[in-house]
Amino acid sequence: MTPDAPYTRDRVTWLAFAVLAVYAYVLYALGPMLTLLRRDLDLPYAMIGVHSTVFAAGVLVPGLFFSRMVAAFGRRRLLWAAATAVAVGSIILAAGRAPAVTLPAVALLGVGGVFLQIMALALLADRHGQRRDRSIVEANAGASAAAVLAPLLVGALDASVAVWQVSLALPVVALLLLRVGYRTETLVVHPAAGTTPRPAGRRPPLPGAFWLMCAVCGLVVGAEFCVVFFGASLLRQVTGIGTGTAAAIMTVFAVGELAGRLAGSRLTSRPGQTRRILLATLGLSAVAFVALWASPSLVPMVVALLLLGLGMANLFPLALSLAVATAPERSDDATARTQLVVGVGIMLAPLLLGTLADRLGVAPAFGVNLVLLAAAALLLLVRRQPARTGVDQGVEQQLVVR
C-alpha cells in the first residue's frame, strides 16, 4: 500500500481482526476459568500460578522460532496450524478434570494464541504499510471488545444452568468458520511501504537502554497477569461472593482496559509524550491497585477494578514503544526480545503470587503487584532520556497498541 492510497479493510484485514479477537477472548477468559477450575477440582492457589507459568512458557515459543517457522512453512500453513492448536487446546481444557490434562491444554493455548497474535499484526503491517497504525488500532479495539465479553460469558454460564466450559466452544466455532471462509486465501508476504531492508552481516548488541525498558515491559505485564489470573479470587475472598459471580465481575477490568486503549491513541497523538504518559498511567495503576487491595466491600472494589483496567491498559504498549525507540533500526529484533522477557514475567509473577496466596491468603499475597509496579516506575525514572529523532517518534506512535 502506497502512502497516499486509501485505507481499505480487505478480506485479509478482517481475517487479522478476527484471529486477534479470538486470541484476546481466550486470554481474558483464562483467568476466570482457572478460578472456576480451582473450585471444581479443589486445587491450591499455587496451581493457578502453575497454569499461568505453563501458558507463559508457550508464549516464549513464538518469540524464539517465529521467523524460522514462517520461512519454513509459510504464513498460511502457520496461521491455520496455530488456529488448530488454539481449538484443540480449548477442547482439551473444557474436557479436563485433572491438572495432567488442563496443563497441556493451557500450553497449547499459549503457543497457538501468541502465534495468532503475531501473525495478525504481521498481516496488518504487510497489508497496510504506512497506514499500519490505523489498522492495528482498529484490531486492538476489536480484541478489547472480545476481552470484555470473555469473563462476562464465563461467569454468566457458571451462574446459569449451563457450565462454564461451554464458553470454550466460542473460539472453536469462530476458528472453524474462519478456516472454511478463508480456505482458498493466499497470505503472500509483501514488503510494507515505508520499511527498510534489514542490514546484512553481524549486527551489534542491543543497547543497555533497551534492556532497561525491556525489563519494564516484563514487570508491567507480570502485574497485569496477576490481576487477570487472581482478580476473581481476590473478589471472592474479600466479599464472599460466589466464584462465578466474581469471574463475571472481572469484566469490569476488561471494560477499563478497553476504555484505556481507546483513549491511548488520542493521548499519544503528540510525539514525545510517551514516557510522561507511561509514568502517569503507572501512577494511576498503583493508586487504583491500592484502592482495590484495601477495599472492604464489593462496590469500591468494582470501582477500583475499573480504574485499574484504565491505568493498566497501555502500560505494555507504552513501555514497548520506548524499548523499540532505543533501537528503531532493529524493531524486529527488539520486539522479539521483548516478547521473551514478557513471557518470563508472565511465568514468574502469577506463580509467585499463587505460592504466597497458599501461605498467606490471596489478599496479602497481592502485595506482589505493588512491588512490580513500583519496580517498573523506578526503572523508568532512572532511564536516561536518549536524543529523540523523527524515527523514534514514529515508532512510538505505531506501537502504542496491544
Protein backbone atom coordinates (compact mmCIF):
# COMPACT_ATOMS: atom_id res chain seq x y z
CA MET A 1 0.00 0.00 0.00
CA THR A 2 1.44 3.37 -1.00
CA PRO A 3 1.33 6.29 1.48
CA ASP A 4 -1.40 8.10 -0.49
CA ALA A 5 -3.56 5.02 -1.13
CA PRO A 6 -6.96 4.91 0.59
CA TYR A 7 -7.26 2.79 3.70
CA THR A 8 -9.23 -0.34 2.81
CA ARG A 9 -10.33 -3.20 5.04
CA ASP A 10 -9.91 -6.12 2.67
CA ARG A 11 -10.54 -9.80 3.41
CA VAL A 12 -7.11 -10.37 4.91
CA THR A 13 -7.58 -7.34 7.16
CA TRP A 14 -10.82 -8.78 8.52
CA LEU A 15 -9.11 -12.14 8.98
CA ALA A 16 -6.40 -10.48 11.07
CA PHE A 17 -9.02 -8.62 13.11
CA ALA A 18 -10.88 -11.87 13.75
CA VAL A 19 -7.94 -14.04 14.82
CA LEU A 20 -6.66 -11.29 17.13
CA ALA A 21 -10.11 -11.09 18.73
CA VAL A 22 -10.11 -14.87 19.23
CA TYR A 23 -6.74 -14.68 20.98
CA ALA A 24 -7.95 -11.85 23.22
CA TYR A 25 -11.07 -13.82 24.12
CA VAL A 26 -9.05 -16.89 25.10
CA LEU A 27 -6.53 -14.82 27.05
CA TYR A 28 -9.09 -12.94 29.13
CA ALA A 29 -11.33 -15.97 29.63
CA LEU A 30 -8.42 -17.96 31.01
CA GLY A 31 -8.16 -16.13 34.34
CA PRO A 32 -11.82 -16.62 35.38
CA MET A 33 -11.70 -20.18 34.02
CA LEU A 34 -8.72 -21.04 36.21
CA THR A 35 -10.55 -19.66 39.25
CA LEU A 36 -13.52 -21.90 38.47
CA LEU A 37 -11.24 -24.82 37.70
CA ARG A 38 -9.60 -24.41 41.10
CA ARG A 39 -13.04 -24.53 42.73
CA ASP A 40 -14.22 -27.53 40.73
CA LEU A 41 -11.07 -29.60 41.24
CA ASP A 42 -10.25 -28.30 44.75
CA LEU A 43 -6.77 -27.17 43.70
CA PRO A 44 -4.37 -24.94 45.69
CA TYR A 45 -3.84 -21.34 44.62
CA ALA A 46 -0.32 -22.22 43.50
CA MET A 47 -1.82 -24.43 40.80
CA ILE A 48 -3.35 -21.35 39.16
CA GLY A 49 0.17 -19.94 39.12
CA VAL A 50 1.49 -23.16 37.58
CA HIS A 51 -1.11 -22.93 34.81
CA SER A 52 -0.12 -19.33 34.12
CA THR A 53 3.54 -20.38 34.05
CA VAL A 54 2.82 -23.12 31.52
CA PHE A 55 0.82 -20.64 29.43
CA ALA A 56 3.76 -18.22 29.54
CA ALA A 57 6.19 -20.97 28.58
CA GLY A 58 4.06 -21.42 25.48
CA VAL A 59 4.28 -17.68 24.85
CA LEU A 60 8.08 -17.99 24.66
CA VAL A 61 7.97 -20.37 21.69
CA PRO A 62 6.77 -17.86 19.07
CA GLY A 63 9.33 -15.31 20.24
CA LEU A 64 12.10 -17.83 19.67
CA PHE A 65 11.01 -19.53 16.46
CA PHE A 66 8.51 -17.32 14.60
CA SER A 67 10.80 -16.07 11.82
CA ARG A 68 12.26 -19.51 11.12
CA MET A 69 8.84 -21.18 11.10
CA VAL A 70 7.40 -18.61 8.69
CA ALA A 71 10.37 -19.17 6.41
CA ALA A 72 9.95 -22.96 6.61
CA PHE A 73 6.17 -23.33 6.37
CA GLY A 74 4.80 -20.02 5.07
CA ARG A 75 2.22 -17.75 6.64
CA ARG A 76 -0.85 -19.67 5.53
CA ARG A 77 0.19 -23.02 6.98
CA LEU A 78 1.49 -21.45 10.17
CA LEU A 79 -1.70 -19.43 10.69
CA TRP A 80 -4.01 -22.42 10.43
CA ALA A 81 -1.68 -24.62 12.47
CA ALA A 82 -1.86 -22.00 15.24
CA ALA A 83 -5.65 -21.85 14.90
CA THR A 84 -5.79 -25.64 15.21
CA ALA A 85 -3.64 -25.52 18.36
CA VAL A 86 -6.00 -22.98 19.96
CA ALA A 87 -9.10 -25.00 19.02
CA VAL A 88 -7.63 -28.28 20.31
CA GLY A 89 -6.39 -26.59 23.48
CA SER A 90 -9.87 -25.16 24.11
CA ILE A 91 -11.50 -28.58 23.69
CA ILE A 92 -8.99 -30.28 26.00
CA LEU A 93 -9.34 -27.58 28.67
CA ALA A 94 -13.14 -27.90 28.55
CA ALA A 95 -12.92 -31.67 29.00
CA GLY A 96 -10.06 -31.67 31.52
CA ARG A 97 -10.70 -32.86 35.06
CA ALA A 98 -7.13 -33.01 36.30
CA PRO A 99 -4.01 -30.80 36.02
CA ALA A 100 -2.33 -33.50 33.95
CA VAL A 101 -4.91 -32.71 31.25
CA THR A 102 -5.50 -28.98 31.75
CA LEU A 103 -1.81 -28.02 31.85
CA PRO A 104 -1.06 -29.29 28.30
CA ALA A 105 -4.26 -27.59 27.15
CA VAL A 106 -3.09 -24.25 28.54
CA ALA A 107 0.30 -24.75 26.87
CA LEU A 108 -1.42 -25.23 23.51
CA LEU A 109 -3.45 -22.06 24.08
CA GLY A 110 -0.25 -20.14 24.87
CA VAL A 111 1.68 -21.33 21.83
CA GLY A 112 -1.17 -21.15 19.34
CA GLY A 113 -2.65 -17.92 20.69
CA VAL A 114 0.56 -15.92 20.51
CA PHE A 115 1.31 -17.24 17.02
CA LEU A 116 -2.15 -15.96 16.04
CA GLN A 117 -1.36 -12.58 17.62
CA ILE A 118 1.99 -12.18 15.89
CA MET A 119 0.58 -13.39 12.58
CA ALA A 120 -2.36 -10.96 12.75
CA LEU A 121 -0.08 -7.99 13.42
CA ALA A 122 2.31 -9.08 10.69
CA LEU A 123 -0.55 -9.37 8.19
CA LEU A 124 -1.83 -5.90 9.06
CA ALA A 125 1.63 -4.36 8.77
CA ASP A 126 2.20 -6.14 5.46
CA ARG A 127 -1.20 -5.19 4.06
CA HIS A 128 -1.33 -1.53 5.09
CA GLY A 129 2.26 -0.27 5.07
CA GLN A 130 2.47 3.25 6.45
CA ARG A 131 -1.19 3.06 7.46
CA ARG A 132 -0.48 0.06 9.66
CA ASP A 133 -1.02 2.11 12.82
CA ARG A 134 -4.69 2.71 11.96
CA SER A 135 -5.30 -0.95 11.18
CA ILE A 136 -3.60 -2.10 14.39
CA VAL A 137 -5.57 0.39 16.49
CA GLU A 138 -8.80 -0.96 14.97
CA ALA A 139 -7.70 -4.55 15.54
CA ASN A 140 -6.79 -3.69 19.11
CA ALA A 141 -10.22 -2.18 19.77
CA GLY A 142 -11.91 -5.32 18.47
CA ALA A 143 -9.66 -7.50 20.59
CA SER A 144 -10.52 -5.44 23.65
CA ALA A 145 -14.21 -5.91 22.96
CA ALA A 146 -13.64 -9.67 22.86
CA ALA A 147 -11.73 -9.36 26.14
CA VAL A 148 -14.78 -7.68 27.70
CA LEU A 149 -17.05 -10.49 26.50
CA ALA A 150 -14.87 -13.33 27.80
CA PRO A 151 -15.16 -13.05 31.62
CA LEU A 152 -18.78 -11.92 31.35
CA LEU A 153 -19.75 -15.02 29.38
CA VAL A 154 -17.73 -17.38 31.59
CA GLY A 155 -19.33 -16.02 34.76
CA ALA A 156 -22.83 -15.91 33.28
CA LEU A 157 -22.65 -19.52 32.13
CA ASP A 158 -21.39 -20.66 35.51
CA ALA A 159 -24.22 -18.80 37.26
CA SER A 160 -26.87 -20.29 34.93
CA VAL A 161 -27.98 -23.84 34.30
CA ALA A 162 -25.08 -24.31 31.87
CA VAL A 163 -21.44 -24.97 32.77
CA TRP A 164 -18.59 -22.52 32.25
CA GLN A 165 -16.82 -24.95 29.89
CA VAL A 166 -19.42 -24.10 27.23
CA SER A 167 -17.70 -20.73 26.81
CA LEU A 168 -14.76 -22.55 25.21
CA ALA A 169 -16.97 -23.53 22.28
CA LEU A 170 -16.91 -19.93 21.01
CA PRO A 171 -13.24 -19.79 19.90
CA VAL A 172 -13.51 -23.29 18.41
CA VAL A 173 -16.56 -22.36 16.31
CA ALA A 174 -15.08 -18.98 15.32
CA LEU A 175 -11.81 -20.53 14.12
CA LEU A 176 -13.67 -23.28 12.25
CA LEU A 177 -15.80 -20.70 10.42
CA LEU A 178 -12.69 -18.66 9.55
CA ARG A 179 -10.96 -21.77 8.23
CA VAL A 180 -13.92 -22.55 5.96
CA GLY A 181 -14.37 -18.94 4.85
CA TYR A 182 -10.68 -18.42 4.07
CA ARG A 183 -9.78 -21.89 2.83
CA THR A 184 -8.50 -20.58 -0.53
CA GLU A 185 -6.98 -17.31 0.69
CA THR A 186 -3.29 -16.87 -0.11
CA LEU A 187 -1.37 -14.95 2.55
CA VAL A 188 1.60 -13.81 0.50
CA VAL A 189 4.30 -11.73 2.17
CA HIS A 190 4.82 -8.29 0.60
CA PRO A 191 7.27 -5.67 1.90
CA ALA A 192 5.32 -2.97 3.71
CA ALA A 193 5.57 0.54 2.33
CA GLY A 194 7.93 2.72 4.26
CA THR A 195 10.05 -0.14 5.63
CA THR A 196 13.75 -0.57 5.09
CA PRO A 197 15.57 -3.85 4.39
CA ARG A 198 17.39 -5.50 7.28
CA PRO A 199 21.12 -4.91 7.00
CA ALA A 200 23.26 -7.90 6.19
CA GLY A 201 26.02 -9.25 8.37
CA ARG A 202 26.56 -9.39 12.08
CA ARG A 203 24.81 -6.62 14.00
CA PRO A 204 25.90 -5.08 17.30
CA PRO A 205 24.08 -5.98 20.52
CA LEU A 206 21.01 -4.02 21.52
CA PRO A 207 21.82 -1.03 23.77
CA GLY A 208 21.58 -1.11 27.56
CA ALA A 209 18.67 1.36 27.49
CA PHE A 210 16.68 -1.21 25.55
CA TRP A 211 17.19 -3.91 28.17
CA LEU A 212 16.15 -1.47 30.90
CA MET A 213 12.87 -0.74 29.11
CA CYS A 214 12.52 -4.40 28.25
CA ALA A 215 12.57 -5.15 32.00
CA VAL A 216 9.82 -2.54 32.47
CA CYS A 217 7.74 -4.45 29.90
CA GLY A 218 8.18 -7.71 31.82
CA LEU A 219 7.26 -6.08 35.14
CA VAL A 220 4.07 -4.36 33.95
CA VAL A 221 2.83 -7.43 32.07
CA GLY A 222 3.55 -9.59 35.12
CA ALA A 223 1.44 -7.20 37.21
CA GLU A 224 -1.38 -7.25 34.66
CA PHE A 225 -1.49 -11.03 34.53
CA CYS A 226 -1.59 -11.25 38.32
CA VAL A 227 -4.86 -9.30 38.14
CA VAL A 228 -6.17 -11.36 35.21
CA PHE A 229 -5.45 -14.71 36.88
CA PHE A 230 -6.16 -13.86 40.54
CA GLY A 231 -8.56 -10.91 40.46
CA ALA A 232 -11.64 -13.12 40.77
CA SER A 233 -10.08 -14.97 43.72
CA LEU A 234 -9.42 -11.66 45.48
CA LEU A 235 -13.02 -10.51 44.96
CA ARG A 236 -14.34 -13.79 46.29
CA GLN A 237 -12.10 -13.86 49.38
CA VAL A 238 -12.77 -10.25 50.41
CA THR A 239 -16.51 -10.05 49.67
CA GLY A 240 -17.65 -13.66 49.97
CA ILE A 241 -19.47 -13.64 46.61
CA GLY A 242 -19.75 -16.79 44.51
CA THR A 243 -16.91 -17.86 42.25
CA GLY A 244 -19.00 -17.49 39.08
CA THR A 245 -20.14 -14.01 40.11
CA ALA A 246 -16.55 -12.99 40.84
CA ALA A 247 -15.49 -14.26 37.42
CA ALA A 248 -18.24 -12.22 35.74
CA ILE A 249 -17.28 -9.07 37.69
CA MET A 250 -13.78 -9.29 36.20
CA THR A 251 -15.47 -7.94 33.06
CA VAL A 252 -15.15 -4.54 34.73
CA PHE A 253 -11.37 -4.77 34.49
CA ALA A 254 -11.63 -5.61 30.79
CA VAL A 255 -14.02 -2.68 30.25
CA GLY A 256 -11.50 -0.37 31.90
CA GLU A 257 -8.77 -1.68 29.60
CA LEU A 258 -10.98 -1.18 26.55
CA ALA A 259 -11.63 2.44 27.54
CA GLY A 260 -7.94 2.98 28.27
CA ARG A 261 -6.87 1.62 24.90
CA LEU A 262 -9.39 3.70 23.02
CA ALA A 263 -8.05 6.76 24.86
CA GLY A 264 -4.44 5.70 24.36
CA SER A 265 -4.32 6.55 20.66
CA ARG A 266 -5.53 10.09 21.41
CA LEU A 267 -3.12 10.61 24.31
CA THR A 268 -0.15 9.62 22.16
CA SER A 269 -1.10 11.73 19.15
CA ARG A 270 1.52 14.29 20.20
CA PRO A 271 5.05 12.87 19.78
CA GLY A 272 7.49 12.93 22.67
CA GLN A 273 4.94 12.34 25.43
CA THR A 274 5.17 8.56 25.75
CA ARG A 275 7.45 8.48 28.81
CA ARG A 276 5.32 11.02 30.70
CA ILE A 277 2.12 9.17 29.85
CA LEU A 278 3.67 5.89 30.96
CA LEU A 279 4.64 7.40 34.32
CA ALA A 280 1.14 8.83 34.72
CA THR A 281 -0.55 5.52 33.91
CA LEU A 282 1.81 3.70 36.28
CA GLY A 283 0.76 6.14 38.99
CA LEU A 284 -2.92 5.62 38.22
CA SER A 285 -2.43 1.86 38.24
CA ALA A 286 -0.69 1.96 41.62
CA VAL A 287 -3.36 4.17 43.22
CA ALA A 288 -6.18 2.04 41.78
CA PHE A 289 -4.49 -1.14 42.92
CA VAL A 290 -4.06 0.14 46.48
CA ALA A 291 -7.75 1.11 46.47
CA LEU A 292 -8.69 -2.38 45.26
CA TRP A 293 -6.36 -4.02 47.75
CA ALA A 294 -7.65 -2.00 50.72
CA SER A 295 -11.37 -2.01 49.87
CA PRO A 296 -13.51 -3.96 52.38
CA SER A 297 -16.64 -4.36 50.24
CA LEU A 298 -17.77 -5.07 46.70
CA VAL A 299 -18.78 -1.65 45.35
CA PRO A 300 -15.48 0.16 46.00
CA MET A 301 -13.62 -2.89 44.70
CA VAL A 302 -15.56 -2.75 41.42
CA VAL A 303 -14.79 0.96 41.02
CA ALA A 304 -11.11 0.34 41.79
CA LEU A 305 -11.05 -2.56 39.33
CA LEU A 306 -12.40 -0.29 36.58
CA LEU A 307 -9.72 2.34 37.30
CA LEU A 308 -7.05 -0.35 37.45
CA GLY A 309 -8.03 -1.56 33.98
CA LEU A 310 -7.96 2.02 32.73
CA GLY A 311 -4.44 2.50 34.11
CA MET A 312 -3.00 -0.86 33.07
CA ALA A 313 -4.46 -0.76 29.55
CA ASN A 314 -1.47 0.96 27.93
CA LEU A 315 1.40 0.05 30.28
CA PHE A 316 2.81 -2.62 27.99
CA PRO A 317 2.41 -0.85 24.62
CA LEU A 318 3.85 2.38 26.01
CA ALA A 319 6.82 0.53 27.54
CA LEU A 320 7.29 -1.42 24.31
CA SER A 321 7.31 1.76 22.25
CA LEU A 322 10.05 3.21 24.45
CA ALA A 323 12.04 -0.03 24.24
CA VAL A 324 11.88 -0.16 20.43
CA ALA A 325 12.69 3.56 20.20
CA THR A 326 16.12 2.81 21.69
CA ALA A 327 16.93 0.79 18.55
CA PRO A 328 14.43 1.85 15.85
CA GLU A 329 16.51 0.36 13.03
CA ARG A 330 16.18 -3.07 14.70
CA SER A 331 12.49 -3.06 15.66
CA ASP A 332 12.04 -6.73 14.70
CA ASP A 333 14.85 -7.91 16.99
CA ALA A 334 13.73 -5.59 19.79
CA THR A 335 10.13 -6.81 19.62
CA ALA A 336 11.18 -10.47 19.64
CA ARG A 337 13.50 -9.98 22.65
CA THR A 338 10.75 -8.09 24.48
CA GLN A 339 8.35 -10.97 23.86
CA LEU A 340 10.76 -13.32 25.61
CA VAL A 341 11.12 -11.05 28.65
CA VAL A 342 7.34 -10.61 28.79
CA GLY A 343 6.95 -14.39 28.76
CA VAL A 344 9.28 -14.65 31.75
CA GLY A 345 7.21 -12.01 33.56
CA ILE A 346 4.00 -13.97 32.91
CA MET A 347 5.71 -17.14 34.09
CA LEU A 348 7.08 -15.86 37.37
CA ALA A 349 4.74 -13.16 38.72
CA PRO A 350 1.47 -15.16 38.95
CA LEU A 351 3.38 -18.22 40.17
CA LEU A 352 4.91 -16.19 43.00
CA LEU A 353 1.52 -14.69 43.88
CA GLY A 354 -0.15 -18.11 43.88
CA THR A 355 2.56 -19.62 46.09
CA LEU A 356 2.25 -16.78 48.60
CA ALA A 357 -1.56 -16.98 48.47
CA ASP A 358 -1.48 -20.58 49.70
CA ARG A 359 0.57 -19.49 52.72
CA LEU A 360 -0.77 -16.01 53.47
CA GLY A 361 -4.11 -15.74 51.66
CA VAL A 362 -4.88 -14.06 48.34
CA ALA A 363 -5.26 -10.52 49.70
CA PRO A 364 -1.84 -10.30 51.43
CA ALA A 365 -0.15 -12.07 48.52
CA PHE A 366 -1.44 -9.41 46.12
CA GLY A 367 1.21 -7.09 47.54
CA VAL A 368 3.41 -8.64 44.83
CA ASN A 369 1.57 -6.42 42.35
CA LEU A 370 2.52 -3.22 44.13
CA VAL A 371 6.17 -4.30 44.18
CA LEU A 372 6.08 -4.97 40.42
CA LEU A 373 4.55 -1.58 39.63
CA ALA A 374 6.98 0.24 41.94
CA ALA A 375 9.96 -1.53 40.34
CA ALA A 376 8.74 -0.58 36.86
CA ALA A 377 8.39 3.08 37.89
CA LEU A 378 11.87 3.05 39.43
CA LEU A 379 13.48 1.66 36.27
CA LEU A 380 11.63 4.22 34.18
CA LEU A 381 12.83 7.07 36.39
CA VAL A 382 16.48 6.02 36.28
CA ARG A 383 16.45 5.57 32.49
CA ARG A 384 18.39 8.30 30.73
CA GLN A 385 16.39 10.01 28.02
CA PRO A 386 18.08 9.43 24.63
CA ALA A 387 18.19 12.07 21.95
CA ARG A 388 14.90 11.87 20.09
CA THR A 389 14.52 11.64 16.34
CA GLY A 390 11.62 11.64 13.96
CA VAL A 391 12.11 7.89 13.53
CA ASP A 392 11.84 7.37 17.31
CA GLN A 393 8.61 9.35 17.46
CA GLY A 394 7.11 7.45 14.55
CA VAL A 395 7.97 4.13 16.16
CA GLU A 396 6.23 5.21 19.37
CA GLN A 397 3.05 6.21 17.58
CA GLN A 398 2.88 2.94 15.67
CA LEU A 399 3.45 0.70 18.72
CA VAL A 400 1.09 2.22 21.29
CA VAL A 401 -1.35 -0.63 20.78
CA ARG A 402 -1.77 -4.06 22.30
